[in-house]
Amino acid sequence: MINFLLAFITYYGCIIITVVVLVIILSSLGVSSGIREYGVSLLCNLFEWAAEGSHSVDDLFDDDFEEKNEVDENGQIILQNRDRLPRRRSSSTEKKIIEKDASESVRNKLDDDNASNHLIPKNKTSRTIISDSLEFITAGFECIIDDEVTSRFKAETLVSWNLLSRTKSNYVHINWKISLLWVLGWITRYTILLHIRLSIFFVGLSLLIMTTALIGFIPNGAFKRWLNRRAMLMCMRIFSRSFSSIIRFHDSQNKAKGGGICVANHTSPIDVMILSCDNCYAMIGQSQGGFLGFLQRTLSRSTHHIWFERSEAKDRLHVVKRMQEHVNDPKKLPILIFPEGTCINNTSVMQFKKGSFEIASTIYPIAMKYDARLGDAFWNSSLQGYAQYLWMMMTSWAIICDVWYLPPMTKNDDEDAIEFARRVKKAIAEKGGLVDLEWDGQLKRTKVSNKLINEHKKKYFNHLERRTSISYYKPIRTRKISQSTPLSQSAFPESVTNETQYEKRELIIEDSFEENPDNDHKNKCNDIESKQTNLLTVIS
């Protein structure tokens, strides 16, 4: 018995070593044997068979292969190469729980009014306020039922089970065949695949440490840049094989040139690894600790990367200066930036920070879209450490990602950095089939800022000003605001209030009153004050 175990371990070890060596050689040369693609197709066939044997076929994969390409609502092809990989399934986070008609109506109403320069017919103020109030209440209930912001900070829930225990919180017995399939899958992932992937990962990590240390001693020049590029491509491709990654790059003619700035949507720390399998980048980002910090220091030995602390103001000024110097040097690597500033679950693109769009007038956008069926690449940093995240990636079936290089975009003369960032973000969202959101990704860790609240108040006030007879004016004489004033100062947008000069632009409601000499002047004033109170309630 002991001899049998020793023989089994010996043969098993030889097989693992042979596979690891073969994978490392192929990945170093940038060549694929096609085994991973075949394995993904086989897994999807197994999922289809499991769906047919379950009691709820509609909740699992159905009809995985189609002759036609799948096209999303934006007209973009989600996956290609249909003869090798099945089409991508919609996740539950991509499907709406309810139709948010009121929210969409409010958003369109405010955006159209603020963007339009045409004269709009005035409506009765009281009627408009009541109508808007009811619409705001309905939109609020819609957001409570189906929140489009906080759901982006959690791993997306799949429509069907991919035989990973982490994607099914409670075990539900369907039949013994599916249970047996899950057991066999668990053994395959945690024995054969995990041993191969760990071996490949540590080989790649060892090569990265050694090559960056050696390249660091070489003087700056063309040879060092060439050697660093070859070493980084080799190491990153080896790392990608440790996750059984299937990466498809589209429109490679739009890749960034030296000294350019690339921006991409952010899902995971392995975004850098995915993109570095096809090009070499200088990276900029938050300084990290632990194993991720060790990787940052290792990469900095061979080329120039920029790591900073968000909490330090002097670091931000230093980063801007270094980025400007980097962009002005065409011999340096293109800078890779994730303007969202945090990881989003790859169902949407959230607000881009304007910093990188102030430095460069030309941006190279990159859209990334992961297929979560065989493994979710999203990193929930508030719940998982980096080591735990890597472990989950290595014990998944595979990581599938499509990368699109968009044509370079240039800032227009009449466009500021914020508008330019929004235009680039919209292009990335459309290409990747993602939802374009204007919310700040830092809401994952912080509360909504007063600045954002005031911006929405001001937007609604501008809407009322254009749609009704509401207006404000600057009085001839200035005065301090007393407690008896019926309108509180906090209800006005920041642009309306000037505390330093003790000035107040009063809100005047000039509604369409019918001229009636019998109306008492006091009743008319009370009516105006009542409408002011209702207006403040809506704005606040």
Protein backbone atom coordinates (compact mmCIF):
# COMPACT_ATOMS: atom_id res chain seq x y z
CA MET A 1 0.00 0.00 0.00
CA ILE A 2 2.80 2.39 0.91
CA ASN A 3 4.59 1.57 -2.33
CA PHE A 4 1.41 2.27 -4.26
CA LEU A 5 1.03 5.69 -2.57
CA LEU A 6 4.65 6.55 -3.24
CA ALA A 7 4.30 5.53 -6.87
CA PHE A 8 1.09 7.56 -7.22
CA ILE A 9 2.68 10.66 -5.67
CA THR A 10 5.71 10.28 -7.94
CA TYR A 11 3.68 9.96 -11.13
CA TYR A 12 1.31 12.73 -10.02
CA GLY A 13 4.25 15.03 -9.29
CA CYS A 14 5.82 14.30 -12.67
CA ILE A 15 2.56 15.10 -14.44
CA ILE A 16 2.15 18.37 -12.52
CA ILE A 17 5.74 19.43 -13.24
CA THR A 18 5.37 18.59 -16.93
CA VAL A 19 2.16 20.59 -17.24
CA VAL A 20 3.66 23.56 -15.35
CA VAL A 21 6.78 23.64 -17.54
CA LEU A 22 4.69 23.40 -20.71
CA VAL A 23 2.35 26.19 -19.58
CA ILE A 24 5.24 28.47 -18.61
CA ILE A 25 6.94 27.99 -21.97
CA LEU A 26 3.77 28.65 -23.95
CA SER A 27 2.81 31.68 -21.84
CA SER A 28 6.32 33.15 -22.12
CA LEU A 29 6.01 32.99 -25.90
CA GLY A 30 2.46 34.33 -25.87
CA VAL A 31 1.08 31.15 -27.42
CA SER A 32 -2.08 29.27 -26.39
CA SER A 33 -2.68 25.55 -26.85
CA GLY A 34 -6.46 25.97 -26.84
CA ILE A 35 -6.96 23.66 -23.85
CA ARG A 36 -8.42 26.41 -21.66
CA GLU A 37 -10.98 27.39 -24.29
CA TYR A 38 -11.96 23.75 -24.76
CA GLY A 39 -12.26 23.34 -20.97
CA VAL A 40 -14.61 26.33 -20.72
CA SER A 41 -16.83 24.92 -23.45
CA LEU A 42 -16.87 21.55 -21.68
CA LEU A 43 -17.85 23.18 -18.37
CA CYS A 44 -20.71 25.07 -20.00
CA ASN A 45 -21.94 21.81 -21.54
CA LEU A 46 -21.87 20.27 -18.05
CA PHE A 47 -23.85 23.20 -16.68
CA GLU A 48 -26.39 22.76 -19.47
CA TRP A 49 -26.71 19.07 -18.65
CA ALA A 50 -27.15 19.93 -14.96
CA ALA A 51 -29.86 22.43 -15.88
CA GLU A 52 -31.75 19.80 -17.86
CA GLY A 53 -31.66 17.44 -14.88
CA SER A 54 -32.92 19.99 -12.36
CA HIS A 55 -36.51 20.86 -11.53
CA SER A 56 -36.06 24.50 -12.53
CA VAL A 57 -34.45 24.64 -15.93
CA ASP A 58 -35.22 28.31 -16.40
CA ASP A 59 -33.02 29.26 -13.44
CA LEU A 60 -29.94 27.61 -14.91
CA PHE A 61 -28.13 27.80 -18.22
CA ASP A 62 -30.36 27.21 -21.21
CA ASP A 63 -29.39 26.95 -24.85
CA ASP A 64 -25.75 27.98 -24.34
CA PHE A 65 -24.78 28.04 -28.00
CA GLU A 66 -26.19 30.25 -30.71
CA GLU A 67 -25.14 30.89 -34.25
CA LYS A 68 -25.74 34.62 -34.00
CA ASN A 69 -23.67 37.04 -31.92
CA GLU A 70 -25.30 38.34 -28.75
CA VAL A 71 -25.81 42.10 -28.88
CA ASP A 72 -26.65 44.18 -25.84
CA GLU A 73 -28.96 47.20 -25.66
CA ASN A 74 -26.13 49.48 -26.74
CA GLY A 75 -25.48 47.45 -29.88
CA GLN A 76 -22.17 46.01 -28.68
CA ILE A 77 -21.10 42.41 -29.14
CA ILE A 78 -20.54 40.92 -25.69
CA LEU A 79 -18.53 37.85 -26.68
CA GLN A 80 -17.02 36.69 -29.91
CA ASN A 81 -15.51 33.41 -31.14
CA ARG A 82 -18.81 31.58 -30.74
CA ASP A 83 -17.33 28.40 -32.12
CA ARG A 84 -15.07 28.16 -29.07
CA LEU A 85 -16.94 29.83 -26.22
CA PRO A 86 -20.65 30.01 -25.37
CA ARG A 87 -22.40 33.32 -25.10
CA ARG A 88 -22.41 35.35 -21.91
CA ARG A 89 -25.40 35.11 -19.62
CA SER A 90 -27.09 38.04 -17.97
CA SER A 91 -26.62 38.19 -14.23
CA SER A 92 -29.31 39.07 -11.77
CA THR A 93 -27.70 42.45 -11.13
CA GLU A 94 -28.11 43.33 -14.81
CA LYS A 95 -31.85 42.60 -14.65
CA LYS A 96 -34.10 45.24 -13.13
CA ILE A 97 -36.28 44.31 -10.17
CA ILE A 98 -38.78 47.00 -11.16
CA GLU A 99 -39.15 49.48 -13.97
CA LYS A 100 -37.88 52.75 -12.49
CA ASP A 101 -40.08 55.05 -14.54
CA ALA A 102 -40.30 57.87 -11.98
CA SER A 103 -36.54 57.92 -11.39
CA GLU A 104 -35.87 58.00 -15.12
CA SER A 105 -38.45 60.75 -15.58
CA VAL A 106 -36.89 62.92 -12.85
CA ARG A 107 -33.39 62.38 -14.24
CA ASN A 108 -34.40 63.22 -17.80
CA LYS A 109 -36.43 66.22 -16.69
CA LEU A 110 -33.58 67.81 -14.76
CA ASP A 111 -30.89 66.98 -17.30
CA ASP A 112 -32.91 68.24 -20.25
CA ASP A 113 -33.82 71.50 -18.55
CA ASN A 114 -30.25 72.21 -17.49
CA ALA A 115 -28.86 71.39 -20.95
CA SER A 116 -31.51 73.24 -22.95
CA ASN A 117 -31.10 76.86 -23.97
CA HIS A 118 -34.57 77.21 -25.47
CA LEU A 119 -37.39 79.08 -23.84
CA ILE A 120 -39.83 76.81 -22.05
CA PRO A 121 -43.48 77.79 -21.43
CA LYS A 122 -44.15 78.66 -17.80
CA ASN A 123 -46.47 76.43 -15.82
CA LYS A 124 -48.48 77.15 -12.70
CA THR A 125 -46.09 76.98 -9.75
CA SER A 126 -48.33 75.16 -7.27
CA ARG A 127 -49.29 72.52 -9.82
CA THR A 128 -45.63 71.94 -10.80
CA ILE A 129 -44.49 71.61 -7.18
CA ILE A 130 -47.23 69.12 -6.30
CA SER A 131 -46.56 67.07 -9.43
CA ASP A 132 -42.80 67.02 -8.79
CA SER A 133 -43.30 66.12 -5.12
CA LEU A 134 -45.33 63.04 -6.02
CA GLU A 135 -42.74 62.06 -8.62
CA PHE A 136 -39.89 62.46 -6.10
CA ILE A 137 -41.71 60.27 -3.56
CA THR A 138 -42.27 57.56 -6.17
CA ALA A 139 -38.64 57.75 -7.27
CA GLY A 140 -37.56 57.43 -3.65
CA PHE A 141 -39.53 54.21 -3.19
CA GLU A 142 -38.05 52.88 -6.44
CA CYS A 143 -34.53 53.53 -5.16
CA ILE A 144 -35.32 51.74 -1.88
CA ILE A 145 -36.58 48.69 -3.77
CA ASP A 146 -33.82 48.64 -6.40
CA ASP A 147 -30.76 50.68 -5.41
CA GLU A 148 -28.47 51.22 -8.39
CA VAL A 149 -25.50 52.48 -6.34
CA THR A 150 -24.76 50.26 -3.33
CA SER A 151 -25.49 47.12 -5.37
CA ARG A 152 -22.36 47.95 -7.42
CA PHE A 153 -20.16 47.36 -4.38
CA LYS A 154 -21.17 43.71 -3.97
CA ALA A 155 -20.38 40.67 -6.07
CA GLU A 156 -23.03 40.18 -8.71
CA THR A 157 -25.43 37.30 -8.15
CA LEU A 158 -25.50 34.87 -11.03
CA VAL A 159 -28.72 33.76 -12.65
CA SER A 160 -27.56 30.15 -12.37
CA TRP A 161 -25.20 28.20 -10.15
CA ASN A 162 -21.71 27.59 -11.54
CA LEU A 163 -20.96 24.78 -9.05
CA LEU A 164 -18.90 27.10 -6.84
CA SER A 165 -19.96 27.00 -3.18
CA ARG A 166 -19.23 30.74 -2.76
CA THR A 167 -22.00 31.62 -5.23
CA LYS A 168 -24.67 29.60 -3.40
CA SER A 169 -25.18 30.70 0.20
CA ASN A 170 -27.52 27.86 1.16
CA TYR A 171 -27.24 24.29 -0.08
CA VAL A 172 -30.31 23.13 -1.97
CA HIS A 173 -30.46 19.49 -2.96
CA ILE A 174 -31.66 19.04 -6.54
CA ASN A 175 -30.66 15.46 -7.34
CA TRP A 176 -27.76 13.12 -6.73
CA LYS A 177 -26.29 13.70 -10.19
CA ILE A 178 -25.74 17.42 -9.60
CA SER A 179 -24.43 16.72 -6.09
CA LEU A 180 -21.94 14.23 -7.55
CA LEU A 181 -20.95 16.76 -10.21
CA TRP A 182 -20.29 19.39 -7.51
CA VAL A 183 -18.12 16.95 -5.51
CA LEU A 184 -16.08 16.02 -8.58
CA GLY A 185 -15.72 19.70 -9.45
CA TRP A 186 -14.54 20.52 -5.94
CA ILE A 187 -11.92 17.76 -6.08
CA THR A 188 -10.73 18.94 -9.51
CA ARG A 189 -10.43 22.59 -8.46
CA TYR A 190 -8.77 22.04 -5.07
CA THR A 191 -6.39 19.26 -6.10
CA ILE A 192 -5.36 19.17 -9.75
CA LEU A 193 -6.06 22.77 -10.83
CA LEU A 194 -4.96 24.38 -7.56
CA HIS A 195 -1.62 22.54 -7.51
CA ILE A 196 -0.89 23.53 -11.10
CA ARG A 197 -1.95 27.15 -10.55
CA LEU A 198 0.01 27.58 -7.33
CA SER A 199 3.12 26.20 -9.01
CA ILE A 200 2.72 28.54 -11.96
CA PHE A 201 2.07 31.50 -9.65
CA PHE A 202 5.19 30.96 -7.55
CA VAL A 203 7.32 30.45 -10.66
CA GLY A 204 5.98 33.70 -12.08
CA LEU A 205 6.54 35.51 -8.77
CA SER A 206 10.13 34.24 -8.57
CA LEU A 207 10.82 35.35 -12.14
CA LEU A 208 9.31 38.77 -11.41
CA ILE A 209 11.49 39.30 -8.33
CA MET A 210 14.67 38.19 -10.08
CA THR A 211 14.14 40.04 -13.36
CA THR A 212 13.15 43.35 -11.74
CA ALA A 213 16.14 43.15 -9.41
CA LEU A 214 18.51 42.56 -12.34
CA ILE A 215 16.92 45.21 -14.57
CA GLY A 216 17.21 47.73 -11.74
CA PHE A 217 21.04 47.61 -12.02
CA ILE A 218 21.02 48.40 -15.75
CA PRO A 219 21.50 52.09 -16.64
CA ASN A 220 18.53 53.91 -18.12
CA GLY A 221 18.39 53.59 -21.86
CA ALA A 222 16.81 51.84 -24.81
CA PHE A 223 18.15 48.42 -23.83
CA LYS A 224 16.71 48.67 -20.31
CA ARG A 225 13.30 49.69 -21.68
CA TRP A 226 13.34 46.80 -24.16
CA LEU A 227 14.40 44.27 -21.53
CA ASN A 228 11.81 45.54 -19.03
CA ARG A 229 9.04 45.27 -21.60
CA ARG A 230 9.94 41.67 -22.45
CA ALA A 231 10.27 40.68 -18.79
CA MET A 232 6.94 42.27 -17.80
CA LEU A 233 5.03 40.68 -20.68
CA MET A 234 6.51 37.28 -19.82
CA CYS A 235 5.77 37.51 -16.08
CA MET A 236 2.24 38.88 -16.49
CA ARG A 237 1.33 36.20 -19.01
CA ILE A 238 2.59 33.54 -16.61
CA PHE A 239 0.52 35.10 -13.80
CA SER A 240 -2.57 35.08 -16.02
CA ARG A 241 -2.18 31.32 -16.60
CA SER A 242 -2.22 30.78 -12.83
CA PHE A 243 -5.90 31.86 -12.96
CA SER A 244 -6.65 30.01 -16.21
CA SER A 245 -7.41 33.41 -17.72
CA ILE A 246 -8.92 33.71 -21.18
CA ILE A 247 -8.28 37.26 -22.41
CA ARG A 248 -9.41 38.62 -25.75
CA PHE A 249 -8.01 41.96 -26.95
CA HIS A 250 -9.93 43.93 -29.56
CA ASP A 251 -8.84 46.87 -31.75
CA SER A 252 -5.16 46.63 -30.86
CA GLN A 253 -4.34 49.38 -33.34
CA ASN A 254 -5.64 51.87 -30.73
CA LYS A 255 -3.10 50.89 -28.07
CA ALA A 256 -1.45 53.78 -26.22
CA LYS A 257 1.89 55.15 -27.31
CA GLY A 258 4.77 56.17 -25.07
CA GLY A 259 4.02 58.95 -22.60
CA GLY A 260 0.25 58.69 -23.04
CA ILE A 261 -2.37 58.27 -20.34
CA CYS A 262 -4.67 55.22 -20.44
CA VAL A 263 -7.85 55.12 -18.38
CA ALA A 264 -9.96 52.00 -17.77
CA ASN A 265 -12.87 50.87 -15.64
CA HIS A 266 -11.78 49.14 -12.43
CA THR A 267 -13.00 45.78 -11.14
CA SER A 268 -10.04 44.08 -9.50
CA PRO A 269 -6.30 44.36 -8.78
CA ILE A 270 -5.75 41.80 -11.53
CA ASP A 271 -6.94 44.43 -14.03
CA VAL A 272 -3.28 45.45 -14.21
CA MET A 273 -2.23 41.87 -14.92
CA ILE A 274 -4.93 41.49 -17.60
CA LEU A 275 -3.89 44.64 -19.46
CA SER A 276 -0.15 43.99 -19.02
CA CYS A 277 -0.45 40.74 -20.97
CA ASP A 278 -0.65 42.82 -24.16
CA ASN A 279 1.21 46.02 -23.34
CA CYS A 280 3.60 47.42 -20.75
CA TYR A 281 2.46 50.27 -18.49
CA ALA A 282 3.69 52.60 -15.81
CA MET A 283 1.18 52.41 -12.99
CA ILE A 284 -0.20 54.99 -10.60
CA GLY A 285 -2.27 54.19 -7.56
CA GLN A 286 -2.78 54.06 -3.82
CA SER A 287 0.13 52.76 -1.74
CA GLN A 288 -0.84 49.41 -0.26
CA GLY A 289 0.48 47.22 2.51
CA GLY A 290 0.94 43.48 2.80
CA PHE A 291 1.49 41.32 -0.26
CA LEU A 292 0.08 43.93 -2.66
CA GLY A 293 2.52 46.50 -1.30
CA PHE A 294 5.34 44.00 -1.82
CA LEU A 295 4.34 43.68 -5.48
CA GLN A 296 4.30 47.47 -5.83
CA ARG A 297 7.84 47.77 -4.50
CA THR A 298 8.99 44.91 -6.71
CA LEU A 299 7.62 46.51 -9.86
CA SER A 300 9.17 49.87 -8.98
CA ARG A 301 12.69 48.41 -9.22
CA SER A 302 12.69 48.11 -13.01
CA THR A 303 10.75 51.19 -14.12
CA HIS A 304 9.02 54.32 -12.87
CA HIS A 305 5.68 53.84 -11.10
CA ILE A 306 3.82 56.39 -8.96
CA TRP A 307 2.38 55.31 -5.60
CA PHE A 308 0.78 57.83 -3.25
CA GLU A 309 -1.34 58.31 -0.12
CA ARG A 310 -4.76 59.84 -0.78
CA SER A 311 -4.88 61.43 2.66
CA GLU A 312 -1.70 63.45 2.13
CA ALA A 313 -2.18 66.75 0.28
CA LYS A 314 1.54 67.06 -0.46
CA ASP A 315 1.45 63.61 -2.08
CA ARG A 316 -1.26 64.75 -4.46
CA LEU A 317 0.79 67.75 -5.56
CA HIS A 318 3.84 65.56 -6.00
CA VAL A 319 1.83 63.07 -8.08
CA VAL A 320 0.54 65.80 -10.39
CA LYS A 321 4.07 67.06 -10.95
CA ARG A 322 5.47 63.60 -11.66
CA MET A 323 2.61 62.76 -14.00
CA GLN A 324 3.17 65.96 -15.96
CA GLU A 325 6.86 65.14 -16.33
CA HIS A 326 6.02 61.58 -17.35
CA VAL A 327 3.51 62.64 -20.02
CA ASN A 328 5.99 65.08 -21.53
CA ASP A 329 8.55 62.29 -22.09
CA PRO A 330 7.56 60.09 -25.09
CA LYS A 331 10.27 57.55 -24.19
CA LYS A 332 8.50 56.54 -20.98
CA LEU A 333 5.77 53.93 -20.73
CA PRO A 334 2.12 54.98 -21.02
CA ILE A 335 0.52 55.57 -17.63
CA LEU A 336 -2.35 53.29 -16.62
CA ILE A 337 -4.97 54.93 -14.39
CA PHE A 338 -8.28 53.73 -12.95
CA PRO A 339 -10.14 57.04 -12.42
CA GLU A 340 -12.98 55.44 -10.44
CA GLY A 341 -10.57 55.11 -7.51
CA THR A 342 -12.14 51.87 -6.23
CA CYS A 343 -13.26 48.47 -7.46
CA ILE A 344 -16.77 48.21 -8.96
CA ASN A 345 -18.43 44.86 -9.67
CA ASN A 346 -18.14 45.21 -13.46
CA THR A 347 -21.81 45.93 -14.02
CA SER A 348 -21.33 49.70 -14.31
CA VAL A 349 -18.84 52.55 -14.61
CA MET A 350 -18.98 55.12 -11.83
CA GLN A 351 -17.71 58.70 -11.57
CA PHE A 352 -14.22 59.38 -12.96
CA LYS A 353 -11.93 61.64 -10.95
CA LYS A 354 -10.88 64.65 -12.98
CA GLY A 355 -7.16 64.69 -12.03
CA SER A 356 -5.77 62.72 -14.97
CA PHE A 357 -8.01 64.62 -17.41
CA GLU A 358 -6.49 67.94 -16.32
CA ILE A 359 -2.95 66.81 -17.10
CA ALA A 360 -3.32 65.36 -20.60
CA SER A 361 -5.43 66.62 -23.48
CA THR A 362 -5.38 63.19 -25.16
CA ILE A 363 -6.64 60.08 -23.36
CA TYR A 364 -6.51 56.43 -24.45
CA PRO A 365 -9.69 54.77 -23.10
CA ILE A 366 -9.84 51.02 -22.37
CA ALA A 367 -13.05 49.08 -21.71
CA MET A 368 -12.89 45.82 -19.72
CA LYS A 369 -15.74 43.36 -19.33
CA TYR A 370 -15.47 40.15 -17.28
CA ASP A 371 -17.64 37.08 -17.75
CA ALA A 372 -18.61 36.03 -14.22
CA ARG A 373 -20.06 32.63 -15.12
CA LEU A 374 -16.89 30.65 -14.33
CA GLY A 375 -15.38 33.03 -11.77
CA ASP A 376 -16.13 36.54 -10.49
CA ALA A 377 -13.08 38.82 -10.67
CA PHE A 378 -14.59 41.55 -8.45
CA TRP A 379 -12.58 42.35 -5.30
CA ASN A 380 -14.65 43.47 -2.32
CA SER A 381 -11.77 45.02 -0.40
CA SER A 382 -13.96 45.79 2.62
CA LEU A 383 -14.58 42.07 3.20
CA GLN A 384 -11.55 40.30 1.68
CA GLY A 385 -7.82 40.66 2.03
CA TYR A 386 -5.65 40.43 -1.07
CA ALA A 387 -4.35 36.95 -0.19
CA GLN A 388 -7.91 35.68 0.31
CA TYR A 389 -8.91 37.24 -2.99
CA LEU A 390 -6.07 35.50 -4.85
CA TRP A 391 -7.08 32.21 -3.25
CA MET A 392 -10.66 32.62 -4.52
CA MET A 393 -9.39 33.41 -8.02
CA MET A 394 -7.17 30.33 -8.07
CA THR A 395 -9.99 28.06 -6.90
CA SER A 396 -12.45 29.37 -9.50
CA TRP A 397 -13.00 27.64 -12.80
CA ALA A 398 -11.53 30.37 -15.00
CA ILE A 399 -11.32 34.14 -15.49
CA ILE A 400 -12.73 35.36 -18.80
CA CYS A 401 -12.25 38.97 -19.89
CA ASP A 402 -12.77 41.04 -23.04
CA VAL A 403 -10.64 44.16 -23.51
CA TRP A 404 -11.41 46.86 -26.04
CA TYR A 405 -8.90 49.57 -27.00
CA LEU A 406 -10.94 52.65 -27.88
CA PRO A 407 -9.63 55.33 -30.26
CA PRO A 408 -7.78 58.16 -28.46
CA MET A 409 -10.05 60.97 -27.28
CA THR A 410 -9.01 64.64 -27.17
CA LYS A 411 -10.40 67.36 -24.94
CA ASN A 412 -12.41 69.98 -26.84
CA ASP A 413 -11.64 73.68 -26.52
CA ASP A 414 -14.99 74.42 -24.86
CA GLU A 415 -14.70 71.45 -22.49
CA ASP A 416 -13.34 71.36 -18.95
CA ALA A 417 -11.76 68.36 -17.23
CA ILE A 418 -15.04 67.18 -15.63
CA GLU A 419 -16.94 67.23 -18.93
CA PHE A 420 -14.06 65.47 -20.68
CA ALA A 421 -13.99 62.77 -17.99
CA ARG A 422 -17.74 62.20 -18.37
CA ARG A 423 -17.43 61.87 -22.13
CA VAL A 424 -14.63 59.30 -21.82
CA LYS A 425 -16.57 57.40 -19.14
CA LYS A 426 -19.65 57.25 -21.35
CA ALA A 427 -17.61 55.85 -24.26
CA ILE A 428 -16.12 53.12 -22.04
CA ALA A 429 -19.54 52.18 -20.65
CA GLU A 430 -21.08 51.92 -24.11
CA LYS A 431 -18.24 49.79 -25.49
CA GLY A 432 -18.20 47.41 -22.54
CA GLY A 433 -21.97 47.13 -22.25
CA LEU A 434 -21.89 48.67 -18.74
CA VAL A 435 -24.26 51.05 -16.95
CA ASP A 436 -23.05 54.66 -16.95
CA LEU A 437 -23.48 56.14 -13.44
CA GLU A 438 -22.56 59.60 -12.17
CA TRP A 439 -22.24 58.51 -8.53
CA ASP A 440 -18.87 58.61 -6.77
CA GLY A 441 -17.36 55.19 -6.15
CA GLN A 442 -16.07 56.37 -2.77
CA LEU A 443 -19.65 56.14 -1.49
CA LYS A 444 -18.65 52.57 -0.70
CA ARG A 445 -16.73 53.95 2.30
CA THR A 446 -18.12 57.46 2.91
CA LYS A 447 -21.46 59.24 3.17
CA VAL A 448 -22.92 61.50 0.51
CA SER A 449 -21.12 64.85 0.64
CA ASN A 450 -22.93 68.14 1.19
CA LYS A 451 -21.44 69.40 -2.07
CA LEU A 452 -23.25 66.70 -4.03
CA ILE A 453 -26.50 67.40 -2.17
CA ASN A 454 -26.24 71.10 -2.95
CA GLU A 455 -25.56 70.35 -6.62
CA HIS A 456 -28.82 68.40 -6.85
CA LYS A 457 -30.67 71.17 -5.02
CA LYS A 458 -29.31 73.73 -7.45
CA LYS A 459 -30.22 71.57 -10.42
CA TYR A 460 -33.82 71.29 -9.24
CA PHE A 461 -33.99 75.01 -8.49
CA ASN A 462 -32.85 75.75 -12.07
CA HIS A 463 -35.58 73.43 -13.28
CA LEU A 464 -38.21 75.35 -11.29
CA GLU A 465 -36.88 78.65 -12.51
CA ARG A 466 -37.24 77.59 -16.13
CA ARG A 467 -40.56 75.78 -15.78
CA THR A 468 -42.40 78.17 -13.46
CA SER A 469 -42.50 81.85 -12.58
CA ILE A 470 -40.06 81.34 -9.71
CA SER A 471 -37.05 83.63 -9.86
CA TYR A 472 -34.61 85.35 -7.57
CA TYR A 473 -33.10 88.81 -7.61
CA LYS A 474 -30.49 90.81 -5.76
CA PRO A 475 -32.14 93.57 -3.70
CA ILE A 476 -30.92 97.14 -3.83
CA ARG A 477 -29.97 97.31 -0.19
CA THR A 478 -28.19 94.57 1.71
CA ARG A 479 -29.39 93.28 5.05
CA LYS A 480 -28.69 90.53 7.55
CA ILE A 481 -30.99 87.53 7.68
CA SER A 482 -33.06 87.54 10.83
CA GLN A 483 -34.87 84.65 12.46
CA SER A 484 -38.19 86.13 11.41
CA THR A 485 -37.33 85.66 7.75
CA PRO A 486 -39.72 83.00 6.42
CA LEU A 487 -37.04 81.49 4.15
CA SER A 488 -34.04 79.80 5.79
CA GLN A 489 -30.61 80.50 4.37
CA SER A 490 -29.74 76.82 4.17
CA ALA A 491 -32.47 76.21 1.64
CA PHE A 492 -30.72 78.21 -1.08
CA PRO A 493 -27.95 76.90 -3.33
CA GLU A 494 -24.44 78.06 -2.57
CA SER A 495 -24.44 80.26 -5.67
CA VAL A 496 -27.43 82.17 -4.32
CA THR A 497 -26.04 82.93 -0.83
CA ASN A 498 -23.15 85.29 -0.03
CA GLU A 499 -22.53 85.29 3.69
CA THR A 500 -19.47 87.53 3.65
CA GLN A 501 -21.33 90.54 2.30
CA TYR A 502 -24.55 89.73 4.17
CA GLU A 503 -26.47 89.68 0.93
CA LYS A 504 -29.55 87.62 0.26
CA ARG A 505 -31.23 86.96 -3.04
CA GLU A 506 -34.84 86.55 -2.16
CA LEU A 507 -36.99 83.90 -3.74
CA ILE A 508 -40.00 85.52 -5.36
CA ILE A 509 -43.02 83.60 -6.58
CA GLU A 510 -44.94 85.55 -9.20
CA ASP A 511 -47.73 83.10 -9.89
CA SER A 512 -50.53 83.74 -12.31
CA PHE A 513 -52.95 85.37 -9.87
CA GLU A 514 -56.14 86.70 -11.31
CA GLU A 515 -56.59 90.41 -10.69
CA ASN A 516 -59.40 90.74 -8.20
CA PRO A 517 -59.70 94.00 -6.23
CA ASP A 518 -61.68 92.12 -3.58
CA ASN A 519 -58.66 89.98 -2.57
CA ASP A 520 -57.12 91.14 0.63
CA HIS A 521 -53.43 91.98 0.44
CA LYS A 522 -52.72 89.95 3.57
CA ASN A 523 -54.26 86.77 2.13
CA LYS A 524 -52.17 87.17 -0.99
CA CYS A 525 -48.96 87.45 1.06
CA ASN A 526 -49.95 84.40 3.11
CA ASP A 527 -50.52 82.45 -0.09
CA ILE A 528 -47.06 83.39 -1.38
CA GLU A 529 -45.44 82.43 1.92
CA SER A 530 -47.26 79.08 1.90
CA LYS A 531 -45.94 78.31 -1.58
CA GLN A 532 -42.43 79.27 -0.48
CA THR A 533 -42.67 76.79 2.39
CA ASN A 534 -43.83 74.03 0.04
CA LEU A 535 -40.97 74.82 -2.33
CA LEU A 536 -38.38 74.61 0.44
CA THR A 537 -39.75 71.24 1.50
CA VAL A 538 -39.23 69.88 -2.02
CA ILE A 539 -35.75 71.36 -2.43
CA SER A 540 -34.57 70.09 0.95
